[in-house]
C-alpha cells in the first residue's frame, strides 16, 4: 500500500508534467518549492472543468465490490489507439494512492484492491490528448471547490 494519509483528511493529489521530456510526477502533499526537470519547472496538470468537451469519454466510472474497485474510463467508448488513449488511472483513498497504467489498444479499465473500510476520495484519468479528468464521490470533501471535474 502507498504512503499513509493518516491525519490528512483534506489532502489532494497534484500531477505535474515536464514540457521538455514529458515525464509526469505526482505530489501527495502541498509544500513550498518547485519541481524541476530538464532544467525547467514542471507544470501542474490542471483538471478539466465540467464544462469541457468529451466528459462522457474521459470521466472515470467505477463500481466497488468489497475490496475490489473497478474503474472504467468513460461512460461512452474512449479511443484506445497509439495516437489517442488513456495513459493512467489513479485512485486516492483515505489510506493511500494507487496508480495503474493503461495501455494503447486496450479498453481503459483497471482494477484496484483496497481495504473494505477504505473511503474513495478521488479517481483521476489522464488522456494523452485531452489531459486530466477527476471524479470525487459524494463521500469526499464537502467543499464545492475540491478541484474535481465532477462531484456527485
N, C-alpha and C. Protein backbone atom coordinates (compact mmCIF):
# COMPACT_ATOMS: atom_id res chain seq x y z
N UNK A 1 0.85 -1.17 0.00
CA UNK A 1 0.00 0.00 0.00
C UNK A 1 0.89 1.23 0.00
N UNK A 2 0.40 2.35 -0.51
CA UNK A 2 1.16 3.58 -0.65
C UNK A 2 1.37 4.28 0.68
N UNK A 3 1.79 5.52 0.62
CA UNK A 3 2.08 6.28 1.84
C UNK A 3 0.84 6.47 2.68
N UNK A 4 1.04 6.56 4.00
CA UNK A 4 -0.07 6.76 4.92
C UNK A 4 -0.59 8.18 4.80
N UNK A 5 -1.90 8.29 4.81
CA UNK A 5 -2.52 9.60 4.74
C UNK A 5 -3.21 9.96 6.05
N UNK A 6 -2.86 9.25 7.12
CA UNK A 6 -3.48 9.50 8.42
C UNK A 6 -3.31 10.95 8.80
N UNK A 7 -4.40 11.57 9.24
CA UNK A 7 -4.37 12.96 9.66
C UNK A 7 -4.38 13.95 8.52
N UNK A 8 -4.55 13.49 7.29
CA UNK A 8 -4.58 14.38 6.12
C UNK A 8 -5.90 14.24 5.39
N UNK A 9 -7.00 14.46 6.11
CA UNK A 9 -8.31 14.26 5.51
C UNK A 9 -8.53 15.12 4.26
N UNK A 10 -7.94 16.30 4.22
CA UNK A 10 -8.16 17.23 3.10
C UNK A 10 -7.05 17.14 2.05
N UNK A 11 -6.19 16.12 2.13
CA UNK A 11 -5.09 16.00 1.19
C UNK A 11 -5.61 15.80 -0.23
N UNK A 12 -4.97 16.45 -1.17
CA UNK A 12 -5.31 16.30 -2.58
C UNK A 12 -4.04 15.97 -3.35
N UNK A 13 -4.19 15.21 -4.39
CA UNK A 13 -3.05 14.92 -5.25
C UNK A 13 -2.90 16.04 -6.28
N UNK A 14 -1.66 16.26 -6.69
CA UNK A 14 -1.37 17.18 -7.78
C UNK A 14 -0.43 16.45 -8.73
N UNK A 15 -0.74 16.53 -10.00
CA UNK A 15 0.07 15.88 -11.02
C UNK A 15 0.82 16.95 -11.80
N UNK A 16 2.08 16.65 -12.13
CA UNK A 16 2.93 17.60 -12.85
C UNK A 16 3.53 16.91 -14.07
N UNK A 17 3.86 17.75 -15.08
CA UNK A 17 4.45 17.23 -16.32
C UNK A 17 5.60 18.13 -16.75
N UNK A 18 6.64 17.49 -17.27
CA UNK A 18 7.77 18.23 -17.86
C UNK A 18 7.41 18.52 -19.32
N UNK A 19 7.47 19.77 -19.71
CA UNK A 19 7.15 20.14 -21.09
C UNK A 19 8.29 19.84 -22.06
N UNK A 20 9.45 19.39 -21.54
CA UNK A 20 10.57 19.04 -22.41
C UNK A 20 10.54 17.54 -22.73
N UNK A 21 10.59 16.69 -21.70
CA UNK A 21 10.69 15.25 -21.92
C UNK A 21 9.36 14.50 -21.74
N UNK A 22 8.35 15.15 -21.16
CA UNK A 22 7.05 14.51 -20.98
C UNK A 22 6.90 13.72 -19.69
N UNK A 23 7.94 13.66 -18.86
CA UNK A 23 7.87 12.93 -17.60
C UNK A 23 6.76 13.50 -16.74
N UNK A 24 6.03 12.61 -16.03
CA UNK A 24 4.97 13.03 -15.13
C UNK A 24 5.28 12.55 -13.72
N UNK A 25 4.92 13.38 -12.73
CA UNK A 25 5.10 13.02 -11.32
C UNK A 25 3.84 13.42 -10.56
N UNK A 26 3.68 12.81 -9.39
CA UNK A 26 2.55 13.15 -8.53
C UNK A 26 3.09 13.67 -7.20
N UNK A 27 2.49 14.74 -6.70
CA UNK A 27 2.82 15.28 -5.38
C UNK A 27 1.65 14.93 -4.45
N UNK A 28 1.97 14.38 -3.29
CA UNK A 28 0.90 13.98 -2.38
C UNK A 28 0.75 14.91 -1.19
N UNK A 29 1.57 15.94 -1.11
CA UNK A 29 1.37 16.96 -0.09
C UNK A 29 1.81 18.29 -0.67
N UNK A 30 1.13 19.33 -0.27
CA UNK A 30 1.36 20.66 -0.82
C UNK A 30 2.39 21.38 0.04
N UNK A 31 3.61 21.55 -0.50
CA UNK A 31 4.68 22.22 0.22
C UNK A 31 5.28 23.31 -0.66
N UNK A 32 6.13 24.11 -0.05
CA UNK A 32 6.85 25.15 -0.80
C UNK A 32 7.86 24.47 -1.71
N UNK A 33 8.23 25.16 -2.77
CA UNK A 33 9.24 24.63 -3.65
C UNK A 33 8.71 24.40 -5.05
N UNK A 34 9.62 24.17 -5.97
CA UNK A 34 9.27 23.98 -7.37
C UNK A 34 9.87 22.66 -7.84
N UNK A 35 9.07 21.85 -8.49
CA UNK A 35 9.57 20.62 -9.09
C UNK A 35 10.27 20.97 -10.39
N UNK A 36 11.49 20.45 -10.58
CA UNK A 36 12.28 20.76 -11.76
C UNK A 36 12.56 19.48 -12.55
N UNK A 37 12.63 19.63 -13.87
CA UNK A 37 13.01 18.53 -14.76
C UNK A 37 13.58 19.16 -16.02
N UNK A 38 14.63 18.59 -16.55
CA UNK A 38 15.27 19.09 -17.76
C UNK A 38 15.62 20.57 -17.66
N UNK A 39 15.95 21.02 -16.43
CA UNK A 39 16.36 22.39 -16.22
C UNK A 39 15.22 23.41 -16.20
N UNK A 40 13.97 22.93 -16.21
CA UNK A 40 12.83 23.84 -16.21
C UNK A 40 11.83 23.41 -15.13
N UNK A 41 11.03 24.37 -14.63
CA UNK A 41 9.98 24.00 -13.68
C UNK A 41 8.94 23.10 -14.36
N UNK A 42 8.49 22.10 -13.63
CA UNK A 42 7.42 21.24 -14.15
C UNK A 42 6.10 22.00 -14.05
N UNK A 43 5.16 21.69 -14.91
CA UNK A 43 3.88 22.38 -14.99
C UNK A 43 2.80 21.49 -14.38
N UNK A 44 1.96 22.09 -13.52
CA UNK A 44 0.86 21.31 -12.95
C UNK A 44 -0.14 20.95 -14.04
N UNK A 45 -0.56 19.70 -14.05
CA UNK A 45 -1.58 19.24 -15.00
C UNK A 45 -2.92 19.61 -14.38
N UNK A 46 -3.60 20.56 -14.98
CA UNK A 46 -4.86 21.06 -14.45
C UNK A 46 -5.99 20.08 -14.77
N UNK A 47 -6.87 19.90 -13.80
CA UNK A 47 -8.06 19.07 -14.01
C UNK A 47 -9.02 19.82 -14.92
N UNK A 48 -9.59 19.12 -15.88
CA UNK A 48 -10.54 19.73 -16.81
C UNK A 48 -11.80 20.15 -16.07
N UNK A 49 -12.37 21.28 -16.50
CA UNK A 49 -13.64 21.74 -15.93
C UNK A 49 -14.78 20.89 -16.47
N UNK A 50 -15.87 20.83 -15.69
CA UNK A 50 -17.00 20.01 -16.13
C UNK A 50 -17.65 20.55 -17.39
N UNK A 51 -17.39 21.81 -17.74
CA UNK A 51 -17.94 22.38 -18.96
C UNK A 51 -17.14 21.96 -20.20
N UNK A 52 -15.96 21.37 -19.98
CA UNK A 52 -15.12 20.96 -21.10
C UNK A 52 -15.80 19.85 -21.91
N UNK A 53 -15.44 19.74 -23.15
CA UNK A 53 -15.97 18.70 -24.03
C UNK A 53 -15.47 17.32 -23.63
N UNK A 54 -16.11 16.31 -24.11
CA UNK A 54 -15.67 14.92 -24.03
C UNK A 54 -15.77 14.29 -22.65
N UNK A 55 -16.58 14.84 -21.74
CA UNK A 55 -16.70 14.25 -20.41
C UNK A 55 -17.14 12.79 -20.48
N UNK A 56 -18.09 12.50 -21.36
CA UNK A 56 -18.62 11.13 -21.42
C UNK A 56 -17.57 10.11 -21.84
N UNK A 57 -16.47 10.55 -22.43
CA UNK A 57 -15.41 9.62 -22.85
C UNK A 57 -14.21 9.62 -21.92
N UNK A 58 -14.16 10.52 -20.96
CA UNK A 58 -12.97 10.65 -20.13
C UNK A 58 -13.20 10.49 -18.63
N UNK A 59 -14.40 10.69 -18.15
CA UNK A 59 -14.63 10.64 -16.71
C UNK A 59 -14.54 9.20 -16.21
N UNK A 60 -13.82 9.00 -15.13
CA UNK A 60 -13.75 7.67 -14.54
C UNK A 60 -15.11 7.27 -13.97
N UNK A 61 -15.53 6.07 -14.29
CA UNK A 61 -16.76 5.48 -13.77
C UNK A 61 -16.34 4.22 -13.03
N UNK A 62 -16.87 4.00 -11.83
CA UNK A 62 -16.39 2.85 -11.08
C UNK A 62 -17.51 2.08 -10.41
N UNK A 63 -17.20 0.84 -10.07
CA UNK A 63 -18.05 0.08 -9.16
C UNK A 63 -17.14 -0.61 -8.16
N UNK A 64 -17.72 -0.87 -7.02
CA UNK A 64 -16.94 -1.44 -5.92
C UNK A 64 -17.66 -2.66 -5.38
N UNK A 65 -16.88 -3.71 -5.16
CA UNK A 65 -17.40 -4.92 -4.53
C UNK A 65 -16.40 -5.34 -3.47
N UNK A 66 -16.72 -5.03 -2.23
CA UNK A 66 -15.88 -5.31 -1.06
C UNK A 66 -14.50 -4.67 -1.23
N UNK A 67 -13.46 -5.48 -1.48
CA UNK A 67 -12.10 -4.93 -1.55
C UNK A 67 -11.63 -4.64 -2.97
N UNK A 68 -12.52 -4.72 -3.93
CA UNK A 68 -12.15 -4.55 -5.33
C UNK A 68 -12.87 -3.32 -5.91
N UNK A 69 -12.09 -2.43 -6.53
CA UNK A 69 -12.65 -1.25 -7.19
C UNK A 69 -12.26 -1.34 -8.66
N UNK A 70 -13.26 -1.43 -9.53
CA UNK A 70 -13.01 -1.49 -10.96
C UNK A 70 -13.36 -0.13 -11.56
N UNK A 71 -12.39 0.46 -12.25
CA UNK A 71 -12.58 1.78 -12.85
C UNK A 71 -12.53 1.64 -14.36
N UNK A 72 -13.55 2.14 -15.01
CA UNK A 72 -13.60 2.21 -16.47
C UNK A 72 -13.63 3.69 -16.82
N UNK A 73 -12.82 4.07 -17.79
CA UNK A 73 -12.78 5.47 -18.18
C UNK A 73 -13.81 5.72 -19.26
N UNK A 74 -14.79 6.54 -18.92
CA UNK A 74 -15.82 6.95 -19.87
C UNK A 74 -17.08 6.12 -19.79
N UNK A 75 -18.20 6.81 -19.84
CA UNK A 75 -19.48 6.11 -19.94
C UNK A 75 -19.76 5.74 -21.39
N UNK A 76 -19.03 6.37 -22.31
CA UNK A 76 -19.03 6.01 -23.73
C UNK A 76 -17.62 5.57 -24.09
N UNK A 77 -17.50 4.84 -25.17
CA UNK A 77 -16.22 4.30 -25.60
C UNK A 77 -15.17 5.38 -25.77
N UNK A 78 -14.00 5.18 -25.16
CA UNK A 78 -12.86 6.07 -25.36
C UNK A 78 -11.91 5.40 -26.35
N UNK A 79 -11.36 6.16 -27.29
CA UNK A 79 -10.40 5.56 -28.23
C UNK A 79 -9.24 4.90 -27.49
N UNK A 80 -8.74 3.85 -28.06
CA UNK A 80 -7.59 3.14 -27.47
C UNK A 80 -6.59 2.86 -28.59
N UNK A 81 -6.03 3.94 -29.13
CA UNK A 81 -5.04 3.83 -30.19
C UNK A 81 -3.71 4.41 -29.68
N UNK A 82 -2.67 4.16 -30.41
CA UNK A 82 -1.36 4.72 -30.02
C UNK A 82 -1.43 6.25 -30.00
N UNK A 83 -2.18 6.83 -30.92
CA UNK A 83 -2.26 8.28 -31.04
C UNK A 83 -3.17 8.91 -29.99
N UNK A 84 -4.19 8.18 -29.50
CA UNK A 84 -5.19 8.73 -28.58
C UNK A 84 -5.63 7.65 -27.62
N UNK A 85 -5.23 7.78 -26.36
CA UNK A 85 -5.56 6.75 -25.36
C UNK A 85 -5.45 7.31 -23.95
N UNK A 86 -5.96 6.55 -23.00
CA UNK A 86 -5.81 6.86 -21.58
C UNK A 86 -4.45 6.32 -21.17
N UNK A 87 -3.62 7.16 -20.56
CA UNK A 87 -2.29 6.73 -20.13
C UNK A 87 -2.31 6.06 -18.77
N UNK A 88 -3.09 6.63 -17.83
CA UNK A 88 -3.12 6.07 -16.47
C UNK A 88 -4.39 6.46 -15.75
N UNK A 89 -4.66 5.72 -14.68
CA UNK A 89 -5.80 5.97 -13.81
C UNK A 89 -5.27 5.94 -12.38
N UNK A 90 -5.73 6.88 -11.54
CA UNK A 90 -5.31 6.88 -10.14
C UNK A 90 -6.52 6.80 -9.22
N UNK A 91 -6.28 6.21 -8.06
CA UNK A 91 -7.31 6.07 -7.02
C UNK A 91 -6.72 6.59 -5.72
N UNK A 92 -7.34 7.62 -5.16
CA UNK A 92 -6.93 8.16 -3.87
C UNK A 92 -7.98 7.78 -2.84
N UNK A 93 -7.54 7.16 -1.75
CA UNK A 93 -8.43 6.82 -0.65
C UNK A 93 -7.93 7.50 0.61
N UNK A 94 -8.63 7.30 1.69
CA UNK A 94 -8.19 7.85 2.97
C UNK A 94 -6.95 7.13 3.49
N UNK A 95 -6.51 6.06 2.83
CA UNK A 95 -5.34 5.31 3.27
C UNK A 95 -4.16 5.37 2.31
N UNK A 96 -4.34 5.91 1.12
CA UNK A 96 -3.22 5.96 0.20
C UNK A 96 -3.61 6.22 -1.24
N UNK A 97 -2.61 6.21 -2.10
CA UNK A 97 -2.76 6.49 -3.52
C UNK A 97 -2.26 5.30 -4.32
N UNK A 98 -3.02 4.91 -5.33
CA UNK A 98 -2.60 3.87 -6.27
C UNK A 98 -2.73 4.43 -7.68
N UNK A 99 -1.78 4.07 -8.54
CA UNK A 99 -1.82 4.48 -9.94
C UNK A 99 -1.60 3.25 -10.81
N UNK A 100 -2.44 3.08 -11.82
CA UNK A 100 -2.29 1.97 -12.75
C UNK A 100 -2.14 2.52 -14.16
N UNK A 101 -1.21 1.96 -14.91
CA UNK A 101 -1.04 2.33 -16.31
C UNK A 101 -2.15 1.70 -17.14
N UNK A 102 -2.57 2.42 -18.15
CA UNK A 102 -3.48 1.89 -19.16
C UNK A 102 -2.68 1.83 -20.45
N UNK A 103 -2.94 0.85 -21.26
CA UNK A 103 -2.14 0.64 -22.46
C UNK A 103 -2.92 0.99 -23.73
N UNK A 104 -2.23 1.55 -24.73
CA UNK A 104 -2.89 1.75 -26.03
C UNK A 104 -3.40 0.40 -26.55
N UNK A 105 -4.44 0.43 -27.31
CA UNK A 105 -5.05 -0.75 -27.92
C UNK A 105 -5.84 -1.60 -26.93
N UNK A 106 -5.94 -1.18 -25.67
CA UNK A 106 -6.72 -1.91 -24.67
C UNK A 106 -7.80 -0.99 -24.12
N UNK A 107 -8.97 -1.58 -23.79
CA UNK A 107 -10.02 -0.80 -23.17
C UNK A 107 -9.48 -0.18 -21.87
N UNK A 108 -9.79 1.08 -21.61
CA UNK A 108 -9.29 1.74 -20.41
C UNK A 108 -10.06 1.32 -19.15
N UNK A 109 -9.75 0.14 -18.66
CA UNK A 109 -10.36 -0.37 -17.44
C UNK A 109 -9.26 -0.96 -16.57
N UNK A 110 -9.25 -0.57 -15.29
CA UNK A 110 -8.24 -1.05 -14.36
C UNK A 110 -8.94 -1.50 -13.07
N UNK A 111 -8.26 -2.37 -12.33
CA UNK A 111 -8.78 -2.87 -11.06
C UNK A 111 -7.82 -2.51 -9.95
N UNK A 112 -8.37 -1.95 -8.89
CA UNK A 112 -7.60 -1.62 -7.69
C UNK A 112 -8.11 -2.50 -6.55
N UNK A 113 -7.24 -2.81 -5.61
CA UNK A 113 -7.64 -3.57 -4.42
C UNK A 113 -7.42 -2.67 -3.21
N UNK A 114 -8.45 -2.59 -2.38
CA UNK A 114 -8.43 -1.71 -1.21
C UNK A 114 -8.96 -2.48 0.00
N UNK A 115 -8.71 -1.94 1.19
CA UNK A 115 -9.33 -2.49 2.39
C UNK A 115 -10.82 -2.17 2.34
N UNK A 116 -11.64 -3.04 2.91
CA UNK A 116 -13.08 -2.83 2.85
C UNK A 116 -13.53 -1.55 3.53
N UNK A 117 -12.76 -1.06 4.50
CA UNK A 117 -13.14 0.17 5.19
C UNK A 117 -12.54 1.44 4.57
N UNK A 118 -11.83 1.31 3.46
CA UNK A 118 -11.24 2.48 2.81
C UNK A 118 -12.33 3.31 2.14
N UNK A 119 -12.19 4.63 2.24
CA UNK A 119 -13.10 5.56 1.58
C UNK A 119 -12.43 6.11 0.33
N UNK A 120 -13.13 6.07 -0.78
CA UNK A 120 -12.60 6.62 -2.03
C UNK A 120 -12.76 8.13 -1.98
N UNK A 121 -11.66 8.84 -2.17
CA UNK A 121 -11.66 10.31 -2.14
C UNK A 121 -11.70 10.91 -3.54
N UNK A 122 -10.91 10.35 -4.46
CA UNK A 122 -10.96 10.82 -5.85
C UNK A 122 -10.38 9.78 -6.79
N UNK A 123 -10.89 9.81 -8.02
CA UNK A 123 -10.40 8.93 -9.08
C UNK A 123 -10.08 9.84 -10.26
N UNK A 124 -8.87 9.69 -10.81
CA UNK A 124 -8.45 10.53 -11.93
C UNK A 124 -8.05 9.66 -13.12
N UNK A 125 -8.24 10.20 -14.32
CA UNK A 125 -7.76 9.55 -15.53
C UNK A 125 -7.04 10.59 -16.37
N UNK A 126 -5.98 10.14 -17.06
CA UNK A 126 -5.19 11.05 -17.88
C UNK A 126 -5.21 10.59 -19.33
N UNK A 127 -5.75 11.43 -20.20
CA UNK A 127 -5.79 11.17 -21.64
C UNK A 127 -4.61 11.88 -22.28
N UNK A 128 -3.89 11.19 -23.16
CA UNK A 128 -2.70 11.77 -23.78
C UNK A 128 -3.03 12.96 -24.68
N UNK A 129 -4.28 13.13 -25.08
CA UNK A 129 -4.68 14.27 -25.91
C UNK A 129 -5.41 15.34 -25.08
N UNK A 130 -6.37 14.92 -24.26
CA UNK A 130 -7.26 15.87 -23.58
C UNK A 130 -6.94 16.15 -22.12
N UNK A 131 -5.92 15.53 -21.56
CA UNK A 131 -5.40 15.82 -20.23
C UNK A 131 -6.15 15.12 -19.11
N UNK A 132 -6.26 15.79 -17.95
CA UNK A 132 -6.66 15.17 -16.69
C UNK A 132 -8.14 15.40 -16.36
N UNK A 133 -8.82 14.32 -15.97
CA UNK A 133 -10.20 14.36 -15.51
C UNK A 133 -10.26 13.70 -14.15
N UNK A 134 -10.95 14.33 -13.20
CA UNK A 134 -11.01 13.81 -11.85
C UNK A 134 -12.45 13.73 -11.37
N UNK A 135 -12.77 12.62 -10.73
CA UNK A 135 -14.10 12.38 -10.18
C UNK A 135 -13.99 12.25 -8.66
N UNK A 136 -14.85 12.97 -7.94
CA UNK A 136 -14.90 12.88 -6.48
C UNK A 136 -16.25 12.29 -6.07
N UNK A 137 -16.25 11.10 -5.47
CA UNK A 137 -17.51 10.53 -4.99
C UNK A 137 -18.12 11.42 -3.91
N UNK A 138 -19.39 11.21 -3.62
CA UNK A 138 -20.10 12.07 -2.68
C UNK A 138 -19.59 11.99 -1.25
N UNK A 139 -18.78 10.97 -0.93
CA UNK A 139 -18.25 10.88 0.43
C UNK A 139 -16.94 11.65 0.58
N UNK A 140 -16.49 12.30 -0.50
CA UNK A 140 -15.24 13.06 -0.44
C UNK A 140 -15.49 14.44 0.18
N UNK A 141 -14.51 15.31 0.10
CA UNK A 141 -14.60 16.64 0.70
C UNK A 141 -15.94 17.30 0.41
N UNK A 142 -16.46 18.01 1.39
CA UNK A 142 -17.73 18.70 1.23
C UNK A 142 -17.60 20.05 0.54
N UNK A 143 -16.39 20.49 0.31
CA UNK A 143 -16.18 21.79 -0.31
C UNK A 143 -16.53 21.73 -1.79
N UNK A 144 -17.19 22.81 -2.28
CA UNK A 144 -17.52 22.88 -3.70
C UNK A 144 -16.29 23.05 -4.57
N UNK A 145 -15.22 23.62 -4.02
CA UNK A 145 -14.02 23.89 -4.80
C UNK A 145 -12.96 22.81 -4.60
N UNK A 146 -13.39 21.55 -4.60
CA UNK A 146 -12.45 20.45 -4.32
C UNK A 146 -11.47 20.23 -5.46
N UNK A 147 -11.68 20.84 -6.61
CA UNK A 147 -10.75 20.69 -7.73
C UNK A 147 -11.11 19.56 -8.67
N UNK A 148 -12.22 18.91 -8.41
CA UNK A 148 -12.63 17.80 -9.26
C UNK A 148 -13.40 18.30 -10.48
N UNK A 149 -13.36 17.51 -11.55
CA UNK A 149 -14.15 17.81 -12.72
C UNK A 149 -15.62 17.62 -12.38
N UNK A 150 -15.93 16.49 -11.75
CA UNK A 150 -17.30 16.19 -11.34
C UNK A 150 -17.32 15.69 -9.93
N UNK A 151 -18.37 16.03 -9.21
CA UNK A 151 -18.57 15.56 -7.84
C UNK A 151 -20.05 15.27 -7.70
N UNK A 152 -20.39 14.05 -7.29
CA UNK A 152 -21.79 13.68 -7.14
C UNK A 152 -22.13 13.51 -5.68
